[in-house]
N, C-alpha and C. Protein backbone atom coordinates (compact mmCIF):
# COMPACT_ATOMS: atom_id res chain seq x y z
N UNK A 1 -27.74 53.56 -89.96
CA UNK A 1 -26.57 53.48 -90.82
C UNK A 1 -25.37 54.11 -90.11
N UNK A 2 -24.20 53.58 -90.29
CA UNK A 2 -23.01 54.05 -89.59
C UNK A 2 -22.63 55.47 -89.99
N UNK A 3 -23.04 55.92 -91.17
CA UNK A 3 -22.72 57.28 -91.60
C UNK A 3 -23.30 58.28 -90.63
N UNK A 4 -24.54 58.07 -90.22
CA UNK A 4 -25.16 59.00 -89.29
C UNK A 4 -24.48 58.92 -87.93
N UNK A 5 -23.99 57.74 -87.55
CA UNK A 5 -23.25 57.60 -86.30
C UNK A 5 -22.00 58.48 -86.30
N UNK A 6 -21.24 58.43 -87.40
CA UNK A 6 -20.02 59.23 -87.51
C UNK A 6 -20.34 60.71 -87.45
N UNK A 7 -21.33 61.13 -88.22
CA UNK A 7 -21.68 62.54 -88.25
C UNK A 7 -22.18 63.01 -86.90
N UNK A 8 -23.04 62.24 -86.28
CA UNK A 8 -23.58 62.63 -84.98
C UNK A 8 -22.47 62.75 -83.96
N UNK A 9 -21.54 61.81 -83.97
CA UNK A 9 -20.44 61.85 -83.01
C UNK A 9 -19.55 63.06 -83.24
N UNK A 10 -19.21 63.33 -84.50
CA UNK A 10 -18.35 64.47 -84.81
C UNK A 10 -19.05 65.79 -84.51
N UNK A 11 -20.31 65.89 -84.89
CA UNK A 11 -21.01 67.15 -84.73
C UNK A 11 -21.34 67.42 -83.27
N UNK A 12 -21.43 66.39 -82.46
CA UNK A 12 -21.72 66.59 -81.05
C UNK A 12 -20.55 67.25 -80.33
N UNK A 13 -19.34 67.06 -80.79
CA UNK A 13 -18.17 67.64 -80.13
C UNK A 13 -17.56 68.78 -80.91
N UNK A 14 -18.11 69.12 -82.09
CA UNK A 14 -17.55 70.18 -82.93
C UNK A 14 -16.53 69.60 -83.89
N UNK A 15 -16.02 70.31 -83.95
CA UNK A 15 -15.02 69.81 -84.89
C UNK A 15 -13.42 69.84 -84.56
N UNK A 16 6.86 61.60 -92.51
CA UNK A 16 8.25 61.53 -93.03
C UNK A 16 8.35 62.23 -94.39
N UNK A 17 8.91 63.07 -94.66
CA UNK A 17 8.98 63.92 -95.86
C UNK A 17 8.85 63.08 -97.13
N UNK A 18 8.11 63.61 -98.08
CA UNK A 18 7.92 62.94 -99.37
C UNK A 18 7.74 64.01 -100.43
N UNK A 19 8.08 63.70 -101.67
CA UNK A 19 7.87 64.70 -102.72
C UNK A 19 6.38 64.95 -102.93
N UNK A 20 6.06 66.16 -103.31
CA UNK A 20 4.68 66.52 -103.62
C UNK A 20 4.31 65.88 -104.95
N UNK A 21 3.10 65.36 -105.03
CA UNK A 21 2.64 64.69 -106.25
C UNK A 21 2.65 65.66 -107.42
N UNK A 22 3.27 65.26 -108.50
CA UNK A 22 3.37 66.11 -109.68
C UNK A 22 2.04 66.20 -110.42
N UNK A 23 1.16 65.24 -110.21
CA UNK A 23 -0.12 65.22 -110.91
C UNK A 23 -1.28 65.74 -110.06
N UNK A 24 -1.01 66.64 -109.16
CA UNK A 24 -2.03 67.20 -108.29
C UNK A 24 -2.84 68.24 -109.05
N UNK A 25 -3.96 67.82 -109.62
CA UNK A 25 -4.76 68.73 -110.44
C UNK A 25 -5.51 69.78 -109.64
N UNK A 26 -5.50 69.64 -108.30
CA UNK A 26 -6.18 70.63 -107.46
C UNK A 26 -5.25 71.78 -107.07
N UNK A 27 -3.93 71.54 -107.19
CA UNK A 27 -2.96 72.61 -106.91
C UNK A 27 -3.13 73.71 -107.94
N UNK A 28 -2.99 74.91 -107.49
CA UNK A 28 -3.16 76.12 -108.30
C UNK A 28 -4.62 76.39 -108.68
N UNK A 29 -5.53 75.58 -108.14
CA UNK A 29 -6.95 75.86 -108.32
C UNK A 29 -7.57 76.15 -106.95
N UNK A 30 -7.41 75.20 -106.00
CA UNK A 30 -7.93 75.39 -104.65
C UNK A 30 -6.87 75.90 -103.66
N UNK A 31 -5.62 75.67 -104.00
CA UNK A 31 -4.51 76.05 -103.12
C UNK A 31 -3.24 76.15 -103.96
N UNK A 32 -2.24 76.86 -103.44
CA UNK A 32 -0.98 76.94 -104.19
C UNK A 32 -0.28 75.58 -104.19
N UNK A 33 0.66 75.43 -105.08
CA UNK A 33 1.46 74.20 -105.12
C UNK A 33 2.04 73.95 -103.73
N UNK A 34 1.80 72.77 -103.12
CA UNK A 34 2.34 72.51 -101.78
C UNK A 34 3.87 72.60 -101.77
N UNK A 35 4.38 73.35 -100.82
CA UNK A 35 5.82 73.50 -100.67
C UNK A 35 6.40 72.40 -99.79
N UNK A 36 5.54 71.75 -99.01
CA UNK A 36 6.00 70.69 -98.13
C UNK A 36 4.97 69.57 -98.11
N UNK A 37 5.46 68.39 -97.77
CA UNK A 37 4.57 67.24 -97.71
C UNK A 37 5.15 66.23 -96.73
N UNK A 38 4.33 65.29 -96.34
CA UNK A 38 4.77 64.21 -95.48
C UNK A 38 3.90 62.99 -95.74
N UNK A 39 4.37 61.86 -95.27
CA UNK A 39 3.62 60.62 -95.38
C UNK A 39 3.28 60.19 -93.96
N UNK A 40 2.01 59.90 -93.72
CA UNK A 40 1.57 59.39 -92.42
C UNK A 40 1.26 57.91 -92.58
N UNK A 41 1.95 57.09 -91.82
CA UNK A 41 1.69 55.65 -91.81
C UNK A 41 0.60 55.41 -90.78
N UNK A 42 -0.61 55.25 -91.24
CA UNK A 42 -1.76 55.12 -90.34
C UNK A 42 -1.67 53.87 -89.49
N UNK A 43 -2.13 54.02 -88.26
CA UNK A 43 -2.23 52.88 -87.35
C UNK A 43 -3.57 52.19 -87.53
N UNK A 44 -4.51 52.90 -88.14
CA UNK A 44 -5.87 52.39 -88.36
C UNK A 44 -5.99 51.79 -89.76
N UNK A 45 -7.03 51.02 -89.94
CA UNK A 45 -7.40 50.49 -91.25
C UNK A 45 -8.66 51.23 -91.70
N UNK A 46 -8.88 51.27 -93.00
CA UNK A 46 -10.12 51.85 -93.51
C UNK A 46 -11.29 50.98 -93.06
N UNK A 47 -12.38 51.62 -92.69
CA UNK A 47 -13.59 50.90 -92.32
C UNK A 47 -14.17 50.20 -93.54
N UNK A 48 -14.76 49.04 -93.37
CA UNK A 48 -15.38 48.37 -94.51
C UNK A 48 -16.43 49.24 -95.20
N UNK A 49 -17.13 50.06 -94.44
CA UNK A 49 -18.17 50.93 -95.02
C UNK A 49 -17.64 52.27 -95.51
N UNK A 50 -16.32 52.47 -95.45
CA UNK A 50 -15.74 53.72 -95.97
C UNK A 50 -16.06 53.82 -97.46
N UNK A 51 -16.62 54.96 -97.84
CA UNK A 51 -17.05 55.12 -99.23
C UNK A 51 -17.04 56.61 -99.59
N UNK A 52 -17.20 56.86 -100.85
CA UNK A 52 -17.31 58.24 -101.33
C UNK A 52 -18.45 58.94 -100.61
N UNK A 53 -19.56 58.26 -100.49
CA UNK A 53 -20.75 58.81 -99.83
C UNK A 53 -20.45 59.18 -98.38
N UNK A 54 -19.75 58.32 -97.67
CA UNK A 54 -19.41 58.58 -96.26
C UNK A 54 -18.47 59.78 -96.15
N UNK A 55 -17.47 59.87 -97.05
CA UNK A 55 -16.53 60.99 -96.99
C UNK A 55 -17.23 62.32 -97.29
N UNK A 56 -18.13 62.30 -98.26
CA UNK A 56 -18.88 63.52 -98.58
C UNK A 56 -19.81 63.89 -97.43
N UNK A 57 -20.44 62.91 -96.81
CA UNK A 57 -21.30 63.17 -95.64
C UNK A 57 -20.48 63.77 -94.50
N UNK A 58 -19.26 63.29 -94.32
CA UNK A 58 -18.37 63.80 -93.27
C UNK A 58 -18.10 65.28 -93.47
N UNK A 59 -17.67 65.68 -94.65
CA UNK A 59 -17.36 67.09 -94.88
C UNK A 59 -18.62 67.95 -94.94
N UNK A 60 -19.70 67.39 -95.44
CA UNK A 60 -20.96 68.14 -95.46
C UNK A 60 -21.45 68.40 -94.05
N UNK A 61 -21.32 67.42 -93.19
CA UNK A 61 -21.71 67.59 -91.78
C UNK A 61 -20.89 68.65 -91.08
N UNK A 62 -19.59 68.65 -91.31
CA UNK A 62 -18.72 69.66 -90.69
C UNK A 62 -19.07 71.04 -91.22
N UNK A 63 -19.27 71.15 -92.52
CA UNK A 63 -19.61 72.44 -93.13
C UNK A 63 -20.95 72.96 -92.62
N UNK A 64 -21.92 72.08 -92.50
CA UNK A 64 -23.23 72.47 -91.99
C UNK A 64 -23.11 73.03 -90.57
N UNK A 65 -22.35 72.35 -89.74
CA UNK A 65 -22.16 72.83 -88.36
C UNK A 65 -21.41 74.15 -88.32
N UNK A 66 -20.38 74.30 -89.17
CA UNK A 66 -19.65 75.57 -89.24
C UNK A 66 -20.60 76.71 -89.58
N UNK A 67 -21.50 76.47 -90.51
CA UNK A 67 -22.40 77.52 -90.96
C UNK A 67 -23.48 77.86 -89.94
N UNK A 68 -23.67 77.02 -88.93
CA UNK A 68 -24.62 77.30 -87.86
C UNK A 68 -24.02 78.21 -86.78
N UNK A 69 -22.71 78.31 -86.76
CA UNK A 69 -22.04 79.12 -85.73
C UNK A 69 -22.39 80.60 -85.92
N UNK A 70 -22.32 81.39 -84.83
CA UNK A 70 -22.68 82.81 -84.91
C UNK A 70 -21.58 83.67 -85.54
N UNK A 71 -20.56 83.06 -86.08
CA UNK A 71 -19.46 83.77 -86.73
C UNK A 71 -19.13 83.03 -88.02
N UNK A 72 -18.50 83.71 -88.97
CA UNK A 72 -18.19 83.04 -90.26
C UNK A 72 -17.16 81.93 -90.08
N UNK A 73 -17.23 80.90 -90.93
CA UNK A 73 -16.23 79.82 -90.85
C UNK A 73 -14.82 80.37 -91.07
N UNK A 74 -13.86 79.79 -90.38
CA UNK A 74 -12.47 80.21 -90.53
C UNK A 74 -11.76 79.43 -91.62
N UNK A 75 -12.34 78.29 -92.00
CA UNK A 75 -11.74 77.46 -93.05
C UNK A 75 -12.83 76.73 -93.81
N UNK A 76 -12.57 76.49 -95.08
CA UNK A 76 -13.44 75.64 -95.89
C UNK A 76 -12.86 74.23 -95.85
N UNK A 77 -13.73 73.25 -95.66
CA UNK A 77 -13.30 71.86 -95.62
C UNK A 77 -14.13 71.13 -96.67
N UNK A 78 -13.45 70.47 -97.61
CA UNK A 78 -14.17 69.78 -98.66
C UNK A 78 -13.37 68.59 -99.15
N UNK A 79 -14.06 67.71 -99.88
CA UNK A 79 -13.44 66.51 -100.43
C UNK A 79 -13.43 66.59 -101.94
N UNK A 80 -12.34 66.17 -102.54
CA UNK A 80 -12.20 66.15 -103.99
C UNK A 80 -11.62 64.81 -104.40
N UNK A 81 -11.57 64.60 -105.70
CA UNK A 81 -11.10 63.33 -106.25
C UNK A 81 -12.29 62.52 -106.70
N UNK A 82 -12.08 61.60 -107.60
CA UNK A 82 -13.19 60.82 -108.16
C UNK A 82 -13.93 60.03 -107.09
N UNK A 83 -13.23 59.69 -106.01
CA UNK A 83 -13.85 58.96 -104.90
C UNK A 83 -13.91 59.83 -103.64
N UNK A 84 -13.74 61.15 -103.80
CA UNK A 84 -13.74 62.09 -102.66
C UNK A 84 -12.70 61.66 -101.63
N UNK A 85 -11.56 61.17 -102.13
CA UNK A 85 -10.51 60.63 -101.26
C UNK A 85 -9.48 61.67 -100.82
N UNK A 86 -9.65 62.90 -101.27
CA UNK A 86 -8.71 63.97 -100.93
C UNK A 86 -9.43 65.01 -100.08
N UNK A 87 -9.00 65.15 -98.85
CA UNK A 87 -9.57 66.13 -97.94
C UNK A 87 -8.77 67.42 -98.08
N UNK A 88 -9.46 68.53 -98.28
CA UNK A 88 -8.80 69.83 -98.46
C UNK A 88 -9.33 70.79 -97.43
N UNK A 89 -8.42 71.49 -96.76
CA UNK A 89 -8.76 72.49 -95.74
C UNK A 89 -8.07 73.79 -96.14
N UNK A 90 -8.87 74.83 -96.41
CA UNK A 90 -8.32 76.11 -96.85
C UNK A 90 -8.84 77.22 -95.94
N UNK A 91 -7.93 78.01 -95.38
CA UNK A 91 -8.32 79.14 -94.55
C UNK A 91 -9.10 80.15 -95.38
N UNK A 92 -10.08 80.78 -94.76
CA UNK A 92 -10.90 81.76 -95.45
C UNK A 92 -10.55 83.20 -95.08
N UNK A 93 -9.57 83.36 -94.20
CA UNK A 93 -9.11 84.69 -93.79
C UNK A 93 -7.60 84.72 -93.79
N UNK A 94 -7.04 85.88 -94.09
CA UNK A 94 -5.59 86.04 -94.02
C UNK A 94 -5.11 85.85 -92.58
N UNK A 95 -3.89 85.34 -92.44
CA UNK A 95 -3.29 85.16 -91.13
C UNK A 95 -3.65 83.85 -90.46
N UNK A 96 -4.35 82.97 -91.14
CA UNK A 96 -4.72 81.67 -90.57
C UNK A 96 -4.09 80.56 -91.41
N UNK A 97 -3.66 79.51 -90.74
CA UNK A 97 -3.05 78.34 -91.37
C UNK A 97 -1.98 78.77 -92.38
N UNK A 98 -1.10 79.66 -91.97
CA UNK A 98 -0.10 80.17 -92.90
C UNK A 98 1.32 79.70 -92.62
N UNK A 99 1.47 78.77 -91.68
CA UNK A 99 2.77 78.16 -91.43
C UNK A 99 2.56 76.67 -91.15
N UNK A 100 3.59 75.90 -91.28
CA UNK A 100 3.52 74.47 -90.98
C UNK A 100 3.13 74.26 -89.52
N UNK A 101 3.55 75.16 -88.64
CA UNK A 101 3.26 75.04 -87.22
C UNK A 101 1.78 75.25 -86.94
N UNK A 102 1.16 76.21 -87.62
CA UNK A 102 -0.28 76.42 -87.46
C UNK A 102 -1.06 75.27 -88.07
N UNK A 103 -0.57 74.73 -89.17
CA UNK A 103 -1.23 73.56 -89.77
C UNK A 103 -1.18 72.39 -88.80
N UNK A 104 -0.03 72.15 -88.20
CA UNK A 104 0.09 71.05 -87.23
C UNK A 104 -0.77 71.30 -86.01
N UNK A 105 -0.91 72.56 -85.60
CA UNK A 105 -1.77 72.89 -84.47
C UNK A 105 -3.23 72.57 -84.80
N UNK A 106 -3.65 72.88 -86.03
CA UNK A 106 -5.02 72.54 -86.47
C UNK A 106 -5.23 71.04 -86.37
N UNK A 107 -4.26 70.26 -86.84
CA UNK A 107 -4.41 68.80 -86.80
C UNK A 107 -4.36 68.27 -85.37
N UNK A 108 -3.59 68.91 -84.50
CA UNK A 108 -3.58 68.51 -83.09
C UNK A 108 -4.95 68.77 -82.46
N UNK A 109 -5.54 69.90 -82.80
CA UNK A 109 -6.88 70.21 -82.30
C UNK A 109 -7.90 69.22 -82.85
N UNK A 110 -7.80 68.89 -84.12
CA UNK A 110 -8.71 67.92 -84.72
C UNK A 110 -8.52 66.53 -84.11
N UNK A 111 -7.29 66.21 -83.72
CA UNK A 111 -7.03 64.94 -83.03
C UNK A 111 -7.75 64.92 -81.69
N UNK A 112 -7.69 66.03 -80.96
CA UNK A 112 -8.37 66.09 -79.66
C UNK A 112 -9.86 65.83 -79.82
N UNK A 113 -10.47 66.40 -80.85
CA UNK A 113 -11.89 66.20 -81.11
C UNK A 113 -12.15 64.74 -81.52
N UNK A 114 -11.33 64.22 -82.41
CA UNK A 114 -11.51 62.84 -82.88
C UNK A 114 -11.41 61.85 -81.72
N UNK A 115 -10.57 62.14 -80.75
CA UNK A 115 -10.39 61.21 -79.63
C UNK A 115 -11.60 61.15 -78.72
N UNK A 116 -12.54 62.05 -78.89
CA UNK A 116 -13.79 62.02 -78.13
C UNK A 116 -14.84 61.14 -78.80
N UNK A 117 -14.57 60.67 -80.00
CA UNK A 117 -15.53 59.84 -80.72
C UNK A 117 -15.70 58.48 -80.03
N UNK A 118 -16.92 58.02 -79.94
CA UNK A 118 -17.16 56.70 -79.33
C UNK A 118 -16.38 55.57 -80.00
N UNK A 119 -16.21 55.63 -81.32
CA UNK A 119 -15.50 54.55 -81.99
C UNK A 119 -14.06 54.43 -81.48
N UNK A 120 -13.42 55.54 -81.16
CA UNK A 120 -12.05 55.47 -80.63
C UNK A 120 -12.05 54.80 -79.25
N UNK A 121 -13.00 55.18 -78.39
CA UNK A 121 -13.03 54.56 -77.06
C UNK A 121 -13.45 53.10 -77.15
N UNK A 122 -14.38 52.77 -78.07
CA UNK A 122 -14.78 51.37 -78.25
C UNK A 122 -13.59 50.51 -78.67
N UNK A 123 -12.71 51.08 -79.47
CA UNK A 123 -11.53 50.34 -79.92
C UNK A 123 -10.37 50.43 -78.92
N UNK A 124 -10.51 51.30 -77.91
CA UNK A 124 -9.46 51.46 -76.92
C UNK A 124 -8.25 52.21 -77.46
N UNK A 125 -8.47 53.11 -78.43
CA UNK A 125 -7.35 53.80 -79.08
C UNK A 125 -7.44 55.33 -78.91
N UNK A 126 -8.28 55.80 -77.99
CA UNK A 126 -8.50 57.23 -77.86
C UNK A 126 -7.25 58.01 -77.45
N UNK A 127 -6.25 57.34 -76.90
CA UNK A 127 -5.01 58.03 -76.55
C UNK A 127 -3.88 57.68 -77.52
N UNK A 128 -4.23 57.02 -78.63
CA UNK A 128 -3.22 56.55 -79.56
C UNK A 128 -3.48 57.01 -81.00
N UNK A 129 -4.71 56.88 -81.46
CA UNK A 129 -5.05 57.28 -82.83
C UNK A 129 -5.10 58.80 -82.93
N UNK A 130 -4.87 59.30 -84.13
CA UNK A 130 -4.90 60.74 -84.39
C UNK A 130 -6.01 61.06 -85.40
N UNK A 131 -6.17 62.35 -85.72
CA UNK A 131 -7.11 62.74 -86.76
C UNK A 131 -6.75 62.06 -88.07
N UNK A 132 -5.46 61.88 -88.34
CA UNK A 132 -5.04 61.21 -89.57
C UNK A 132 -5.53 59.76 -89.60
N UNK A 133 -5.56 59.11 -88.43
CA UNK A 133 -6.09 57.75 -88.37
C UNK A 133 -7.59 57.75 -88.64
N UNK A 134 -8.30 58.75 -88.12
CA UNK A 134 -9.72 58.88 -88.43
C UNK A 134 -9.91 59.06 -89.93
N UNK A 135 -9.08 59.90 -90.53
CA UNK A 135 -9.16 60.11 -91.98
C UNK A 135 -8.94 58.79 -92.72
N UNK A 136 -7.99 57.99 -92.28
CA UNK A 136 -7.74 56.68 -92.89
C UNK A 136 -8.96 55.78 -92.73
N UNK A 137 -9.57 55.79 -91.54
CA UNK A 137 -10.75 54.97 -91.30
C UNK A 137 -11.88 55.34 -92.26
N UNK A 138 -11.99 56.63 -92.58
CA UNK A 138 -13.03 57.11 -93.49
C UNK A 138 -12.66 56.89 -94.95
N UNK A 139 -11.40 56.52 -95.21
CA UNK A 139 -10.96 56.23 -96.57
C UNK A 139 -10.29 57.38 -97.28
N UNK A 140 -9.92 58.43 -96.55
CA UNK A 140 -9.17 59.52 -97.19
C UNK A 140 -7.74 59.04 -97.42
N UNK A 141 -7.17 59.42 -98.56
CA UNK A 141 -5.80 59.05 -98.92
C UNK A 141 -4.84 60.23 -98.85
N UNK A 142 -5.39 61.44 -98.83
CA UNK A 142 -4.55 62.65 -98.86
C UNK A 142 -5.29 63.79 -98.16
N UNK A 143 -4.52 64.59 -97.45
CA UNK A 143 -5.05 65.80 -96.82
C UNK A 143 -4.15 66.96 -97.23
N UNK A 144 -4.76 68.03 -97.71
CA UNK A 144 -4.00 69.24 -98.03
C UNK A 144 -4.57 70.37 -97.19
N UNK A 145 -3.68 71.13 -96.57
CA UNK A 145 -4.07 72.28 -95.76
C UNK A 145 -3.36 73.50 -96.32
N UNK A 146 -4.09 74.63 -96.40
CA UNK A 146 -3.53 75.82 -97.04
C UNK A 146 -4.12 77.08 -96.44
N UNK A 147 -3.36 78.16 -96.56
CA UNK A 147 -3.90 79.47 -96.18
C UNK A 147 -4.63 80.11 -97.36
N UNK A 148 -4.61 79.45 -98.50
CA UNK A 148 -5.30 79.96 -99.67
C UNK A 148 -4.56 81.08 -100.38
N UNK A 149 -3.32 81.26 -100.03
CA UNK A 149 -2.55 82.34 -100.66
C UNK A 149 -1.20 81.80 -101.13
N UNK A 150 -0.28 81.56 -100.20
CA UNK A 150 1.04 81.08 -100.62
C UNK A 150 1.52 79.84 -99.88
N UNK A 151 0.79 79.40 -98.86
CA UNK A 151 1.21 78.25 -98.07
C UNK A 151 0.28 77.06 -98.33
N UNK A 152 0.87 75.89 -98.56
CA UNK A 152 0.11 74.64 -98.64
C UNK A 152 1.03 73.51 -98.19
N UNK A 153 0.45 72.58 -97.45
CA UNK A 153 1.16 71.40 -96.95
C UNK A 153 0.27 70.20 -97.24
N UNK A 154 0.89 69.10 -97.67
CA UNK A 154 0.12 67.93 -98.07
C UNK A 154 0.56 66.70 -97.31
N UNK A 155 -0.42 65.92 -96.85
CA UNK A 155 -0.16 64.69 -96.12
C UNK A 155 -0.73 63.54 -96.93
N UNK A 156 0.10 62.56 -97.23
CA UNK A 156 -0.35 61.32 -97.86
C UNK A 156 -0.56 60.32 -96.74
N UNK A 157 -1.72 59.68 -96.74
CA UNK A 157 -2.03 58.72 -95.68
C UNK A 157 -1.93 57.32 -96.23
N UNK A 158 -0.98 56.56 -95.71
CA UNK A 158 -0.79 55.15 -96.10
C UNK A 158 -1.42 54.25 -95.07
């Protein structure tokens, strides 16, 4: 099944301004109200097999690998929404992911990891697609990153 392909590939390597959605029921529960947001126009299309099950397997696989490390996880990564279409990343320690620049650095690092995936090289896009494109391929529609205190930034993926 392709789900195991995605997880195996990810686990083998580790891991334009828009208004914030007014109906974000996860704000003030998992993270503060996002102060900034952006829209990413994906270059990728969602995979035909993209599903709630695949998105949950993706975050479960990352969490499992984080918990195997000899140090505590630095961030919690989970999916929410009726179809698990919202990816949420929240720092678990103070001083992490507390500025837009650190959030962008996290996504740049995640892009570097995603570009090592066989699917990117098979498609010939390993130097073009980003982590946001991978998220689109998996069927995520929104990513929120937060320090879990006062900073949150939200990306809508079109």
